[in-house]
N, C-alpha and C. Protein backbone atom coordinates (compact mmCIF):
# COMPACT_ATOMS: atom_id res chain seq x y z
N UNK A 1 78.02 -88.15 5.22
CA UNK A 1 77.98 -87.95 6.54
C UNK A 1 76.60 -86.75 6.68
N UNK A 2 76.32 -86.88 7.74
CA UNK A 2 75.49 -85.97 8.15
C UNK A 2 75.50 -85.14 9.20
N UNK A 3 75.78 -84.11 9.24
CA UNK A 3 75.76 -83.29 10.09
C UNK A 3 74.79 -82.95 10.94
N UNK A 4 74.89 -82.45 12.30
CA UNK A 4 73.49 -82.16 13.45
C UNK A 4 73.82 -81.01 14.04
N UNK A 5 73.25 -80.34 14.95
CA UNK A 5 73.58 -79.19 15.81
C UNK A 5 71.99 -78.42 16.02
N UNK A 6 72.44 -77.52 17.19
CA UNK A 6 71.31 -76.84 17.36
C UNK A 6 70.64 -75.96 16.02
N UNK A 7 69.30 -75.81 16.30
CA UNK A 7 68.43 -74.98 15.33
C UNK A 7 67.98 -73.85 16.57
N UNK A 8 67.55 -72.85 15.73
CA UNK A 8 66.01 -71.92 16.63
C UNK A 8 65.32 -71.98 15.48
N UNK A 9 63.76 -72.50 15.61
CA UNK A 9 62.82 -72.11 14.65
C UNK A 9 62.59 -70.20 14.45
N UNK A 10 61.63 -70.33 13.85
CA UNK A 10 61.19 -69.02 13.02
C UNK A 10 60.38 -68.34 14.35
N UNK A 11 61.39 -66.95 14.81
CA UNK A 11 60.08 -66.07 16.15
C UNK A 11 58.70 -66.09 15.83
N UNK A 12 58.31 -65.87 14.71
CA UNK A 12 56.96 -65.61 14.13
C UNK A 12 56.42 -66.89 14.58
N UNK A 13 56.86 -67.81 14.67
CA UNK A 13 56.18 -69.37 14.75
C UNK A 13 55.36 -69.64 13.11
N UNK A 14 55.89 -69.10 12.10
CA UNK A 14 55.27 -69.67 10.92
C UNK A 14 56.66 -70.64 10.37
N UNK A 15 56.20 -70.99 9.26
CA UNK A 15 56.70 -72.06 8.54
C UNK A 15 58.14 -71.21 7.86
N UNK A 16 59.23 -71.68 7.91
CA UNK A 16 60.46 -71.02 7.50
C UNK A 16 60.32 -70.45 5.67
N UNK A 17 60.38 -68.85 5.98
CA UNK A 17 60.70 -68.50 4.46
C UNK A 17 62.47 -68.34 4.16
N UNK A 18 62.87 -68.29 4.64
CA UNK A 18 64.81 -68.53 4.89
C UNK A 18 65.29 -69.21 5.70
N UNK A 19 66.54 -69.51 5.76
CA UNK A 19 67.25 -70.29 6.52
C UNK A 19 68.92 -69.33 6.57
N UNK A 20 69.33 -69.36 7.77
CA UNK A 20 70.49 -68.89 7.92
C UNK A 20 71.33 -70.26 9.09
N UNK A 21 72.35 -70.34 8.27
CA UNK A 21 73.68 -71.62 8.64
C UNK A 21 74.69 -70.83 8.69
N UNK A 22 74.64 -71.23 10.07
CA UNK A 22 76.18 -70.53 11.15
C UNK A 22 76.79 -72.03 11.17
N UNK A 23 78.60 -71.56 10.78
CA UNK A 23 79.90 -72.48 10.99
C UNK A 23 80.78 -71.54 11.67
N UNK A 24 80.61 -72.74 12.83
CA UNK A 24 81.83 -72.31 13.96
C UNK A 24 83.07 -72.35 13.46
N UNK A 25 84.02 -72.28 14.21
CA UNK A 25 85.40 -72.41 14.49
C UNK A 25 86.01 -73.49 14.42
N UNK A 26 87.63 -74.00 14.42
CA UNK A 26 88.53 -74.77 14.91
C UNK A 26 87.89 -74.60 16.50
N UNK A 27 87.53 -76.13 16.61
CA UNK A 27 87.47 -76.34 18.15
C UNK A 27 86.12 -76.00 18.88
N UNK A 28 85.79 -75.74 17.82
CA UNK A 28 84.47 -74.95 18.95
C UNK A 28 82.91 -76.25 18.42
N UNK A 29 81.92 -76.03 18.85
CA UNK A 29 80.76 -76.96 17.94
C UNK A 29 79.98 -76.04 17.45
N UNK A 30 78.59 -76.03 17.51
CA UNK A 30 77.30 -75.72 17.09
C UNK A 30 76.55 -74.75 17.94
N UNK A 31 76.74 -75.10 19.12
CA UNK A 31 76.45 -73.83 20.40
C UNK A 31 77.06 -73.27 20.53
N UNK A 32 78.67 -73.04 19.99
CA UNK A 32 79.19 -71.50 19.89
C UNK A 32 78.51 -70.79 19.01
N UNK A 33 77.84 -70.83 18.26
CA UNK A 33 77.67 -69.57 17.11
C UNK A 33 75.82 -69.38 17.19
N UNK A 34 75.22 -70.14 17.47
CA UNK A 34 73.88 -70.74 17.59
C UNK A 34 73.56 -69.31 18.81
N UNK A 35 74.12 -69.08 19.48
CA UNK A 35 73.91 -67.72 20.50
C UNK A 35 73.49 -66.42 19.23
N UNK A 36 74.01 -66.30 18.10
CA UNK A 36 74.11 -65.45 17.25
C UNK A 36 72.41 -65.03 16.62
N UNK A 37 71.89 -66.23 16.42
CA UNK A 37 70.36 -66.08 16.18
C UNK A 37 69.42 -65.17 16.64
N UNK A 38 69.43 -65.04 17.99
CA UNK A 38 68.48 -64.72 19.02
C UNK A 38 68.96 -62.96 18.54
N UNK A 39 69.90 -62.55 17.98
CA UNK A 39 70.07 -60.61 17.99
C UNK A 39 69.47 -60.52 16.63
N UNK A 40 69.74 -61.96 16.01
CA UNK A 40 69.26 -61.46 14.05
C UNK A 40 67.61 -61.67 13.89
N UNK A 41 66.93 -62.41 15.01
CA UNK A 41 65.57 -63.11 14.89
C UNK A 41 64.74 -61.93 14.66
N UNK A 42 65.39 -60.80 15.70
CA UNK A 42 64.02 -59.44 15.66
C UNK A 42 64.07 -59.05 13.83
N UNK A 43 65.38 -59.24 12.81
CA UNK A 43 65.14 -58.63 11.62
C UNK A 43 64.56 -59.70 10.91
N UNK A 44 64.83 -61.28 11.43
CA UNK A 44 64.23 -62.28 10.50
C UNK A 44 63.19 -63.01 11.01
N UNK A 45 62.36 -62.79 11.76
CA UNK A 45 61.36 -63.21 12.12
C UNK A 45 60.61 -64.72 11.28
N UNK A 46 60.83 -64.53 10.02
CA UNK A 46 60.70 -65.59 9.46
C UNK A 46 61.61 -66.54 9.07
N UNK A 47 62.61 -66.90 9.68
CA UNK A 47 64.32 -67.41 9.33
C UNK A 47 64.31 -68.25 10.71
N UNK A 48 64.40 -70.31 9.74
CA UNK A 48 65.45 -70.53 10.69
C UNK A 48 66.84 -70.70 11.00
N UNK A 49 67.18 -71.04 11.86
CA UNK A 49 69.23 -71.01 12.18
C UNK A 49 69.30 -72.26 12.43
N UNK A 50 70.05 -72.83 11.53
CA UNK A 50 70.73 -73.98 11.99
C UNK A 50 72.16 -73.62 12.25
N UNK A 51 72.96 -74.50 13.16
CA UNK A 51 74.27 -74.89 13.55
C UNK A 51 75.41 -75.74 13.71
N UNK A 52 75.46 -76.58 12.64
CA UNK A 52 75.80 -77.31 12.97
C UNK A 52 77.24 -77.88 13.29
N UNK A 53 77.35 -78.89 14.26
CA UNK A 53 78.42 -79.79 14.35
C UNK A 53 79.67 -79.89 12.90
N UNK A 54 80.69 -79.21 12.70
CA UNK A 54 81.95 -79.66 12.27
C UNK A 54 81.77 -81.43 11.95
N UNK A 55 81.95 -81.88 11.05
CA UNK A 55 82.33 -83.08 10.80
C UNK A 55 83.29 -83.93 11.19
N UNK A 56 84.57 -83.48 11.86
CA UNK A 56 85.56 -84.42 12.40
C UNK A 56 85.65 -83.42 13.61
N UNK A 57 86.08 -85.11 14.96
CA UNK A 57 86.58 -84.57 16.19
C UNK A 57 87.94 -83.82 15.63
N UNK A 58 88.16 -82.61 16.64
CA UNK A 58 88.91 -81.87 16.91
C UNK A 58 90.31 -82.43 17.26
N UNK A 59 91.08 -82.65 16.61
CA UNK A 59 92.24 -83.27 16.43
C UNK A 59 93.74 -83.10 17.26
N UNK A 60 93.56 -82.14 18.01
CA UNK A 60 94.58 -81.28 18.77
C UNK A 60 93.88 -81.30 20.37
N UNK A 61 92.72 -81.48 20.65
CA UNK A 61 92.10 -82.12 21.89
C UNK A 61 90.99 -82.76 22.13
N UNK A 62 90.56 -83.14 23.22
CA UNK A 62 90.04 -84.15 23.06
C UNK A 62 88.34 -83.76 23.37
N UNK A 63 88.11 -82.78 22.91
CA UNK A 63 86.94 -82.36 22.60
C UNK A 63 86.65 -81.08 21.36
N UNK A 64 85.27 -80.73 21.25
CA UNK A 64 85.17 -79.91 19.79
C UNK A 64 84.90 -80.57 18.55
N UNK A 65 85.19 -80.11 17.66
CA UNK A 65 85.28 -80.12 16.40
C UNK A 65 85.74 -79.07 15.17
N UNK A 66 86.49 -79.89 14.32
CA UNK A 66 86.58 -79.12 13.07
C UNK A 66 86.29 -79.24 11.52
N UNK A 67 86.47 -78.35 10.92
CA UNK A 67 85.97 -78.77 9.54
C UNK A 67 87.60 -79.46 8.50
N UNK A 68 88.27 -79.15 9.38
CA UNK A 68 89.63 -79.88 8.42
C UNK A 68 90.67 -79.42 9.67
N UNK A 69 91.92 -80.67 9.41
CA UNK A 69 92.89 -80.11 10.26
C UNK A 69 93.73 -79.45 10.15
N UNK A 70 94.15 -78.89 10.95
CA UNK A 70 95.25 -77.77 11.16
C UNK A 70 96.61 -78.10 11.87
N UNK A 71 96.77 -79.59 11.61
CA UNK A 71 98.07 -80.01 12.90
C UNK A 71 99.44 -80.00 11.61
N UNK A 72 99.11 -79.81 10.01
CA UNK A 72 99.81 -79.49 9.34
C UNK A 72 99.37 -78.18 9.07
N UNK A 73 100.03 -77.11 8.74
CA UNK A 73 99.48 -75.98 8.54
C UNK A 73 100.32 -75.64 6.88
N UNK A 74 100.47 -76.30 6.26
CA UNK A 74 101.09 -75.98 4.59
C UNK A 74 99.94 -76.01 3.78
N UNK A 75 99.65 -75.39 2.98
CA UNK A 75 99.26 -74.65 1.89
C UNK A 75 98.36 -75.79 1.30
N UNK A 76 99.05 -76.75 1.40
CA UNK A 76 98.57 -78.06 0.64
C UNK A 76 97.53 -78.96 1.35
N UNK A 77 98.30 -79.05 2.82
CA UNK A 77 97.22 -79.64 3.52
C UNK A 77 96.01 -79.09 3.66
N UNK A 78 95.74 -77.60 4.15
CA UNK A 78 94.87 -76.74 4.25
C UNK A 78 94.09 -76.66 3.00
N UNK A 79 94.38 -76.84 2.09
CA UNK A 79 93.80 -76.83 0.76
C UNK A 79 92.92 -78.44 0.61
N UNK A 80 93.94 -79.20 1.13
CA UNK A 80 93.09 -80.47 1.39
C UNK A 80 91.89 -81.11 1.83
N UNK A 81 92.23 -80.24 3.11
CA UNK A 81 91.17 -80.28 4.26
C UNK A 81 89.63 -79.69 3.76
N UNK A 82 89.87 -78.22 3.28
CA UNK A 82 88.87 -78.00 2.59
C UNK A 82 87.90 -78.06 1.67
N UNK A 83 89.00 -79.02 0.95
CA UNK A 83 88.25 -79.50 -0.27
C UNK A 83 87.43 -80.94 0.25
N UNK A 84 87.98 -81.49 0.99
CA UNK A 84 87.66 -82.95 1.98
C UNK A 84 86.13 -82.52 2.53
N UNK A 85 86.30 -80.88 3.03
CA UNK A 85 84.89 -80.26 4.05
C UNK A 85 83.91 -80.25 3.57
N UNK A 86 84.20 -79.24 2.26
CA UNK A 86 83.18 -78.98 0.96
C UNK A 86 82.21 -79.64 0.92
N UNK A 87 82.18 -80.50 0.31
CA UNK A 87 81.27 -81.56 -0.19
C UNK A 87 80.19 -81.73 0.96
N UNK A 88 80.92 -82.21 1.95
CA UNK A 88 80.25 -82.79 3.43
C UNK A 88 79.01 -81.24 3.83
N UNK A 89 79.56 -80.26 3.61
CA UNK A 89 78.53 -79.32 4.01
C UNK A 89 77.86 -78.77 3.20
N UNK A 90 78.47 -78.78 1.62
CA UNK A 90 77.19 -79.01 0.61
C UNK A 90 75.98 -80.06 0.42
N UNK A 91 76.41 -80.96 0.89
CA UNK A 91 75.29 -82.38 1.14
C UNK A 91 74.23 -81.82 2.56
N UNK A 92 75.02 -80.73 3.28
CA UNK A 92 74.04 -80.76 4.73
C UNK A 92 72.91 -79.51 3.96
N UNK A 93 73.78 -78.36 3.26
CA UNK A 93 73.06 -77.47 2.75
C UNK A 93 71.82 -78.26 1.88
N UNK A 94 71.78 -78.73 1.01
CA UNK A 94 71.36 -79.27 0.48
C UNK A 94 69.77 -79.94 0.97
N UNK A 95 70.35 -80.49 2.13
CA UNK A 95 69.33 -81.48 3.07
C UNK A 95 68.53 -80.24 3.91
N UNK A 96 69.02 -79.45 4.32
CA UNK A 96 68.44 -78.22 5.01
C UNK A 96 67.36 -77.70 3.68
N UNK A 97 67.59 -77.59 2.68
CA UNK A 97 66.66 -76.79 1.55
C UNK A 97 65.74 -77.56 1.67
N UNK A 98 65.81 -78.64 1.54
CA UNK A 98 65.07 -79.84 0.91
C UNK A 98 64.33 -79.99 1.44
N UNK A 99 64.53 -79.61 3.32
CA UNK A 99 63.68 -79.84 4.52
C UNK A 99 62.13 -79.14 4.66
N UNK A 100 62.73 -77.51 4.04
CA UNK A 100 62.30 -76.76 4.05
C UNK A 100 61.04 -76.02 3.10
N UNK A 101 61.81 -76.96 1.91
CA UNK A 101 61.49 -76.51 0.55
C UNK A 101 61.79 -75.68 0.36
N UNK A 102 62.85 -74.65 0.15
CA UNK A 102 63.72 -73.84 -0.31
C UNK A 102 64.42 -73.81 -1.16
N UNK A 103 64.85 -72.65 -1.99
CA UNK A 103 65.62 -72.79 -2.76
C UNK A 103 67.11 -72.05 -2.21
N UNK A 104 68.44 -72.10 -3.05
CA UNK A 104 69.59 -71.41 -2.39
C UNK A 104 69.09 -69.70 -2.42
N UNK A 105 68.21 -69.36 -3.07
CA UNK A 105 68.13 -67.72 -2.91
C UNK A 105 67.53 -67.45 -1.71
N UNK A 106 66.78 -68.38 -0.74
CA UNK A 106 66.46 -67.95 0.64
C UNK A 106 67.44 -68.93 2.07
N UNK A 107 68.56 -68.77 1.44
CA UNK A 107 69.87 -69.33 2.32
C UNK A 107 71.20 -68.26 2.34
N UNK A 108 71.09 -68.11 3.61
CA UNK A 108 73.10 -67.42 3.83
C UNK A 108 73.64 -68.25 4.57
N UNK A 109 74.60 -68.17 4.22
CA UNK A 109 75.65 -68.96 5.51
C UNK A 109 76.62 -67.58 6.05
N UNK A 110 76.85 -68.33 7.73
CA UNK A 110 77.41 -67.25 8.44
C UNK A 110 78.48 -68.01 9.07
N UNK A 111 80.20 -67.63 8.37
CA UNK A 111 80.98 -68.29 9.26
C UNK A 111 81.62 -67.51 9.94
N UNK A 112 82.43 -68.14 10.71
CA UNK A 112 83.62 -67.88 11.94
C UNK A 112 84.75 -68.62 11.56
N UNK A 113 85.96 -68.07 11.44
CA UNK A 113 87.21 -68.50 11.57
C UNK A 113 87.46 -69.39 10.38
N UNK A 114 87.41 -70.92 11.00
CA UNK A 114 87.54 -71.98 10.17
C UNK A 114 86.54 -72.34 9.36
N UNK A 115 84.96 -71.46 9.92
CA UNK A 115 83.77 -71.99 9.64
C UNK A 115 83.69 -71.13 8.26
N UNK A 116 84.59 -69.46 8.26
CA UNK A 116 84.61 -68.69 7.20
C UNK A 116 85.62 -69.40 6.30
N UNK A 117 86.18 -70.32 6.54
CA UNK A 117 87.27 -70.51 5.12
C UNK A 117 86.66 -71.60 4.44
N UNK A 118 85.63 -72.33 5.22
CA UNK A 118 84.62 -73.45 4.55
C UNK A 118 83.73 -73.06 3.62
N UNK A 119 83.33 -71.66 4.02
CA UNK A 119 82.05 -71.49 3.70
C UNK A 119 82.26 -71.19 2.45
N UNK A 120 83.19 -70.26 2.45
CA UNK A 120 83.61 -69.49 1.11
C UNK A 120 84.07 -70.73 -0.16
N UNK A 121 84.93 -71.25 0.42
CA UNK A 121 85.46 -72.49 -0.49
C UNK A 121 84.12 -73.36 -1.18
N UNK A 122 82.98 -73.64 -0.15
CA UNK A 122 82.31 -74.39 -0.32
C UNK A 122 81.28 -73.46 -1.51
N UNK A 123 80.40 -72.79 -1.12
CA UNK A 123 79.50 -71.67 -1.30
C UNK A 123 79.82 -71.58 -2.96
N UNK A 124 80.74 -70.88 -2.95
CA UNK A 124 81.44 -70.56 -4.86
C UNK A 124 81.88 -71.35 -5.75
N UNK A 125 81.28 -72.87 -5.01
CA UNK A 125 81.43 -74.02 -6.17
C UNK A 125 80.02 -74.81 -5.77
N UNK A 126 79.21 -74.56 -5.70
CA UNK A 126 78.05 -74.74 -5.47
C UNK A 126 77.43 -74.76 -6.96
N UNK A 127 76.34 -75.31 -7.28
CA UNK A 127 75.87 -74.79 -8.59
C UNK A 127 74.69 -73.72 -8.90
N UNK A 128 74.47 -73.25 -7.70
CA UNK A 128 73.25 -72.02 -7.35
C UNK A 128 73.81 -71.60 -6.17
N UNK A 129 73.78 -69.70 -6.73
CA UNK A 129 74.05 -69.29 -5.42
C UNK A 129 73.02 -68.79 -4.70
N UNK A 130 74.10 -68.73 -3.57
CA UNK A 130 72.96 -68.67 -2.55
C UNK A 130 73.13 -67.34 -2.27
N UNK A 131 71.72 -66.79 -1.50
CA UNK A 131 71.14 -65.37 -1.45
C UNK A 131 72.46 -64.44 -0.61
N UNK A 132 73.61 -64.59 0.26
CA UNK A 132 74.22 -63.97 0.93
C UNK A 132 75.23 -65.02 1.77
N UNK A 133 76.67 -64.53 1.80
CA UNK A 133 77.90 -65.29 2.85
C UNK A 133 78.49 -63.99 3.38
N UNK A 134 78.70 -64.63 5.09
CA UNK A 134 79.01 -63.61 5.69
C UNK A 134 80.04 -64.09 6.66
N UNK A 135 81.35 -63.98 6.02
CA UNK A 135 82.51 -64.51 7.22
C UNK A 135 83.24 -63.60 8.26
N UNK A 136 83.37 -64.05 9.20
CA UNK A 136 84.65 -63.12 10.24
C UNK A 136 85.10 -63.80 11.08
N UNK A 137 86.39 -63.36 10.57
CA UNK A 137 87.56 -63.48 10.98
C UNK A 137 88.19 -64.96 10.34
N UNK A 138 88.11 -64.63 9.01
CA UNK A 138 88.65 -66.27 8.35
C UNK A 138 89.45 -65.62 7.68
N UNK A 139 89.57 -66.51 6.55
CA UNK A 139 90.40 -66.16 5.33
C UNK A 139 89.98 -67.11 3.70
N UNK A 140 90.82 -66.71 2.70
CA UNK A 140 90.21 -67.11 1.50
C UNK A 140 91.55 -67.98 1.36
N UNK A 141 91.21 -69.39 1.34
CA UNK A 141 92.11 -70.68 0.80
C UNK A 141 92.38 -70.47 -0.32
N UNK A 142 93.31 -70.49 -0.97
CA UNK A 142 93.63 -70.92 -2.20
C UNK A 142 93.11 -69.71 -3.47
N UNK A 143 93.07 -68.27 -3.05
CA UNK A 143 92.59 -67.97 -3.93
C UNK A 143 93.37 -68.07 -5.68
N UNK A 144 94.43 -68.38 -5.93
CA UNK A 144 94.66 -68.42 -7.08
C UNK A 144 93.41 -69.85 -7.74
N UNK A 145 92.74 -70.29 -7.24
CA UNK A 145 91.70 -71.35 -7.80
C UNK A 145 90.36 -70.49 -8.17
N UNK A 146 90.22 -69.52 -7.59
CA UNK A 146 88.75 -68.58 -7.90
C UNK A 146 88.78 -68.41 -9.60
N UNK A 147 89.36 -68.14 -10.15
CA UNK A 147 89.14 -68.14 -11.69
C UNK A 147 88.39 -69.28 -12.39
N UNK A 148 89.29 -70.31 -12.27
CA UNK A 148 89.11 -71.78 -12.20
C UNK A 148 88.01 -72.21 -11.97
N UNK A 149 87.41 -71.99 -10.60
CA UNK A 149 86.94 -73.23 -9.89
C UNK A 149 85.25 -72.53 -9.26
N UNK A 150 85.50 -71.29 -9.37
CA UNK A 150 84.30 -70.25 -9.28
C UNK A 150 82.79 -70.68 -10.50
N UNK A 151 81.87 -71.38 -9.87
CA UNK A 151 80.86 -71.66 -10.62
C UNK A 151 79.66 -70.76 -10.26
N UNK A 152 79.35 -70.14 -9.39
CA UNK A 152 78.74 -69.10 -8.60
C UNK A 152 79.69 -67.77 -8.11
N UNK A 153 79.20 -66.77 -7.51
CA UNK A 153 79.43 -64.99 -7.68
C UNK A 153 78.31 -65.00 -6.28
N UNK A 154 77.94 -65.41 -5.16
CA UNK A 154 77.28 -64.45 -4.30
C UNK A 154 78.06 -63.86 -3.64
N UNK A 155 76.84 -62.39 -2.96
CA UNK A 155 77.70 -61.43 -2.01
C UNK A 155 78.42 -61.63 -1.11
N UNK A 156 79.32 -61.17 -1.10
CA UNK A 156 80.00 -61.46 0.63
C UNK A 156 80.29 -60.02 1.15
N UNK A 157 80.23 -60.19 2.39
CA UNK A 157 80.77 -59.29 3.16
C UNK A 157 81.38 -60.55 4.69
N UNK A 158 82.43 -59.87 4.78
CA UNK A 158 84.03 -60.20 5.41
C UNK A 158 83.90 -59.12 6.54
N UNK A 159 84.14 -59.68 7.83
CA UNK A 159 84.65 -59.06 9.08
C UNK A 159 85.61 -59.32 9.76
N UNK A 160 86.22 -58.41 10.15
CA UNK A 160 87.66 -58.72 10.98
C UNK A 160 88.11 -58.11 11.58
N UNK A 161 88.48 -58.47 13.25
CA UNK A 161 89.21 -57.38 14.05
C UNK A 161 89.88 -57.23 14.32
N UNK A 162 90.43 -55.80 14.12
CA UNK A 162 92.29 -55.41 13.53
C UNK A 162 93.11 -56.31 14.64
N UNK A 163 92.49 -56.45 16.11
CA UNK A 163 92.96 -56.70 16.93
C UNK A 163 93.47 -58.58 17.44
N UNK A 164 93.15 -59.17 15.75
CA UNK A 164 92.86 -60.92 15.78
C UNK A 164 94.59 -61.34 15.91
N UNK A 165 94.53 -62.11 16.88
CA UNK A 165 96.08 -62.58 17.02
C UNK A 165 95.99 -64.25 16.77
N UNK A 166 94.94 -64.69 15.80
CA UNK A 166 94.76 -66.31 15.54
C UNK A 166 95.26 -66.00 14.26
N UNK A 167 94.14 -65.18 13.11
CA UNK A 167 93.94 -65.10 11.80
C UNK A 167 94.00 -63.19 12.05
N UNK A 168 95.08 -63.46 10.80
CA UNK A 168 95.67 -62.09 10.97
C UNK A 168 94.60 -60.66 9.96
N UNK A 169 94.43 -59.85 10.79
CA UNK A 169 93.89 -58.79 10.29
C UNK A 169 94.03 -58.76 8.72
N UNK A 170 95.21 -58.83 8.35
CA UNK A 170 95.84 -58.47 6.79
C UNK A 170 95.41 -59.81 6.03
N UNK A 171 94.87 -61.18 6.33
CA UNK A 171 94.11 -61.81 5.82
C UNK A 171 92.34 -61.29 5.58
N UNK A 172 91.61 -59.89 5.86
CA UNK A 172 90.74 -59.28 5.10
C UNK A 172 90.98 -58.58 4.35
N UNK A 173 92.01 -57.77 4.09
CA UNK A 173 92.19 -57.25 2.33
C UNK A 173 92.38 -57.91 1.59
N UNK A 174 93.33 -59.19 1.99
CA UNK A 174 94.17 -60.45 0.89
C UNK A 174 92.83 -61.05 -0.04
N UNK A 175 91.83 -61.28 1.03
CA UNK A 175 90.55 -61.65 0.71
C UNK A 175 89.85 -61.01 0.06
N UNK A 176 89.34 -59.72 0.32
CA UNK A 176 88.78 -58.77 -0.58
C UNK A 176 89.42 -58.45 -1.93
N UNK A 177 90.62 -58.02 -2.23
CA UNK A 177 91.18 -58.00 -3.37
C UNK A 177 91.19 -59.25 -4.35
N UNK A 178 90.98 -60.34 -3.83
CA UNK A 178 91.39 -61.71 -4.83
C UNK A 178 89.64 -61.84 -5.03
N UNK A 179 88.61 -61.50 -4.47
CA UNK A 179 87.52 -61.76 -4.78
C UNK A 179 86.92 -60.77 -5.90
N UNK A 180 87.58 -59.83 -5.49
CA UNK A 180 86.74 -58.50 -6.48
C UNK A 180 87.84 -58.60 -7.61
N UNK A 181 89.24 -59.12 -7.77
CA UNK A 181 89.36 -59.63 -8.71
C UNK A 181 88.91 -60.86 -9.92
N UNK A 182 88.09 -61.65 -8.91
CA UNK A 182 87.54 -62.23 -9.70
C UNK A 182 86.17 -62.21 -10.27
N UNK A 183 85.57 -61.37 -10.02
CA UNK A 183 84.37 -60.63 -9.91
C UNK A 183 83.67 -60.40 -8.85
N UNK A 184 83.92 -60.83 -7.81
CA UNK A 184 82.90 -60.75 -6.95
C UNK A 184 82.12 -59.36 -6.35
N UNK A 185 81.11 -59.29 -5.58
CA UNK A 185 80.62 -58.57 -4.77
C UNK A 185 80.82 -58.76 -3.54
N UNK A 186 82.11 -57.95 -3.36
CA UNK A 186 82.40 -58.59 -1.76
C UNK A 186 83.02 -56.97 -0.93
N UNK A 187 82.49 -57.22 0.28
CA UNK A 187 82.61 -55.92 0.88
C UNK A 187 83.58 -56.24 2.15
N UNK A 188 84.53 -55.24 2.75
CA UNK A 188 85.14 -55.74 3.87
C UNK A 188 85.20 -54.63 5.03
N UNK A 189 84.82 -55.11 6.42
CA UNK A 189 84.73 -54.58 7.38
C UNK A 189 85.99 -54.75 8.75
N UNK A 190 86.46 -53.60 9.33
CA UNK A 190 87.40 -53.82 10.10
C UNK A 190 86.93 -53.26 11.38
N UNK A 191 86.61 -54.52 12.48
CA UNK A 191 86.19 -54.14 13.74
C UNK A 191 87.52 -53.40 14.73
N UNK A 192 87.49 -52.43 15.01
CA UNK A 192 88.76 -51.81 16.08
C UNK A 192 88.70 -52.40 17.47
N UNK A 193 89.99 -52.76 17.55
CA UNK A 193 90.47 -53.14 18.87
C UNK A 193 89.87 -54.77 19.11
N UNK A 194 89.43 -55.23 18.60
CA UNK A 194 88.51 -56.53 18.32
C UNK A 194 89.67 -57.65 18.13
N UNK A 195 89.34 -58.50 18.97
CA UNK A 195 90.31 -59.86 19.00
C UNK A 195 89.57 -60.96 18.21
N UNK A 196 89.79 -62.41 18.45
CA UNK A 196 89.39 -63.47 17.11
C UNK A 196 88.48 -63.78 18.01
N UNK A 197 87.41 -62.78 17.26
CA UNK A 197 86.02 -62.94 17.60
C UNK A 197 85.09 -62.37 16.96
N UNK A 198 83.42 -62.20 17.66
CA UNK A 198 82.23 -61.18 16.69
C UNK A 198 81.83 -60.46 18.25
N UNK A 199 81.71 -59.34 17.79
CA UNK A 199 81.22 -57.98 18.37
C UNK A 199 80.04 -57.92 17.99
N UNK A 200 79.00 -56.83 19.41
CA UNK A 200 77.49 -56.64 18.65
C UNK A 200 77.87 -55.50 17.21
N UNK A 201 78.80 -54.75 16.72
CA UNK A 201 78.45 -53.81 15.82
C UNK A 201 79.22 -54.79 14.75
N UNK A 202 79.48 -56.20 14.77
CA UNK A 202 80.23 -56.74 13.55
C UNK A 202 78.43 -57.65 13.40
N UNK A 203 77.85 -57.97 14.20
CA UNK A 203 76.78 -58.62 13.78
C UNK A 203 75.77 -57.67 13.36
N UNK A 204 75.47 -56.17 14.17
CA UNK A 204 74.99 -55.37 13.03
C UNK A 204 75.14 -55.45 11.74
N UNK A 205 76.67 -55.31 11.64
CA UNK A 205 76.53 -55.57 9.96
C UNK A 205 76.32 -56.52 9.21
N UNK A 206 76.81 -57.44 9.55
CA UNK A 206 76.16 -58.88 9.19
C UNK A 206 74.18 -58.68 9.23
N UNK A 207 73.67 -58.31 9.71
CA UNK A 207 72.08 -58.49 9.64
C UNK A 207 71.89 -57.27 8.94
N UNK A 208 72.65 -55.99 9.05
CA UNK A 208 71.94 -55.33 7.55
C UNK A 208 72.37 -55.84 6.08
N UNK A 209 73.84 -56.40 6.30
CA UNK A 209 73.67 -57.60 4.74
C UNK A 209 72.92 -58.08 4.04
N UNK A 210 72.38 -59.24 5.38
CA UNK A 210 71.91 -59.95 4.84
C UNK A 210 70.49 -60.19 5.00
N UNK A 211 69.99 -58.66 5.27
CA UNK A 211 68.59 -58.19 5.29
C UNK A 211 68.56 -57.98 3.77
N UNK A 212 69.38 -57.04 3.17
CA UNK A 212 68.72 -56.24 1.89
C UNK A 212 69.43 -57.73 0.71
N UNK A 213 69.32 -59.06 1.25
CA UNK A 213 69.85 -60.22 0.61
C UNK A 213 68.22 -61.30 0.87
N UNK A 214 68.06 -61.66 2.08
CA UNK A 214 66.92 -62.08 2.29
C UNK A 214 65.31 -62.09 2.40
């Protein structure tokens, strides 16, 4: 399965020296997050930005996409869903890196909500470590599998609003604890009064985090 979606070429006009891939949330599409790219392009003028549509149509509405279904929210079904999505995402990552003749050290993932969940699951099970991962308003699925299944440990930055009524803010501390216990370099940031969304403060945190790694 080949993913597709909007992209923005490097602001410098040069060949890409790095790539940032955005992973949108449930029921959205690639256009939903590509709008973050211009805010990062000043800091990353030689970076190409991609924001693919998730591989499956949103099964609870007649538009939008999903990385996995949430019609059944039991832990077993969610785990099975992300396990199905992760290889599709990793294949896409491989294709993007090959397209620009770059390696994992020049790649970052930025996820939102379900995109964060998918990014976390996929990135740590790759053979080679990516430069960094930023996750907005997400959750770490099956933290008990980290010790057995994590092949690499990329640096991770988690950002979450404390007024989130979709994915509980408590997910932030739980993910941070599990990642650090498993030996990851992970940091967590709370955005005050922010609901289930991304604000400029969060984008600034993400940009600073990635600037130190790309």
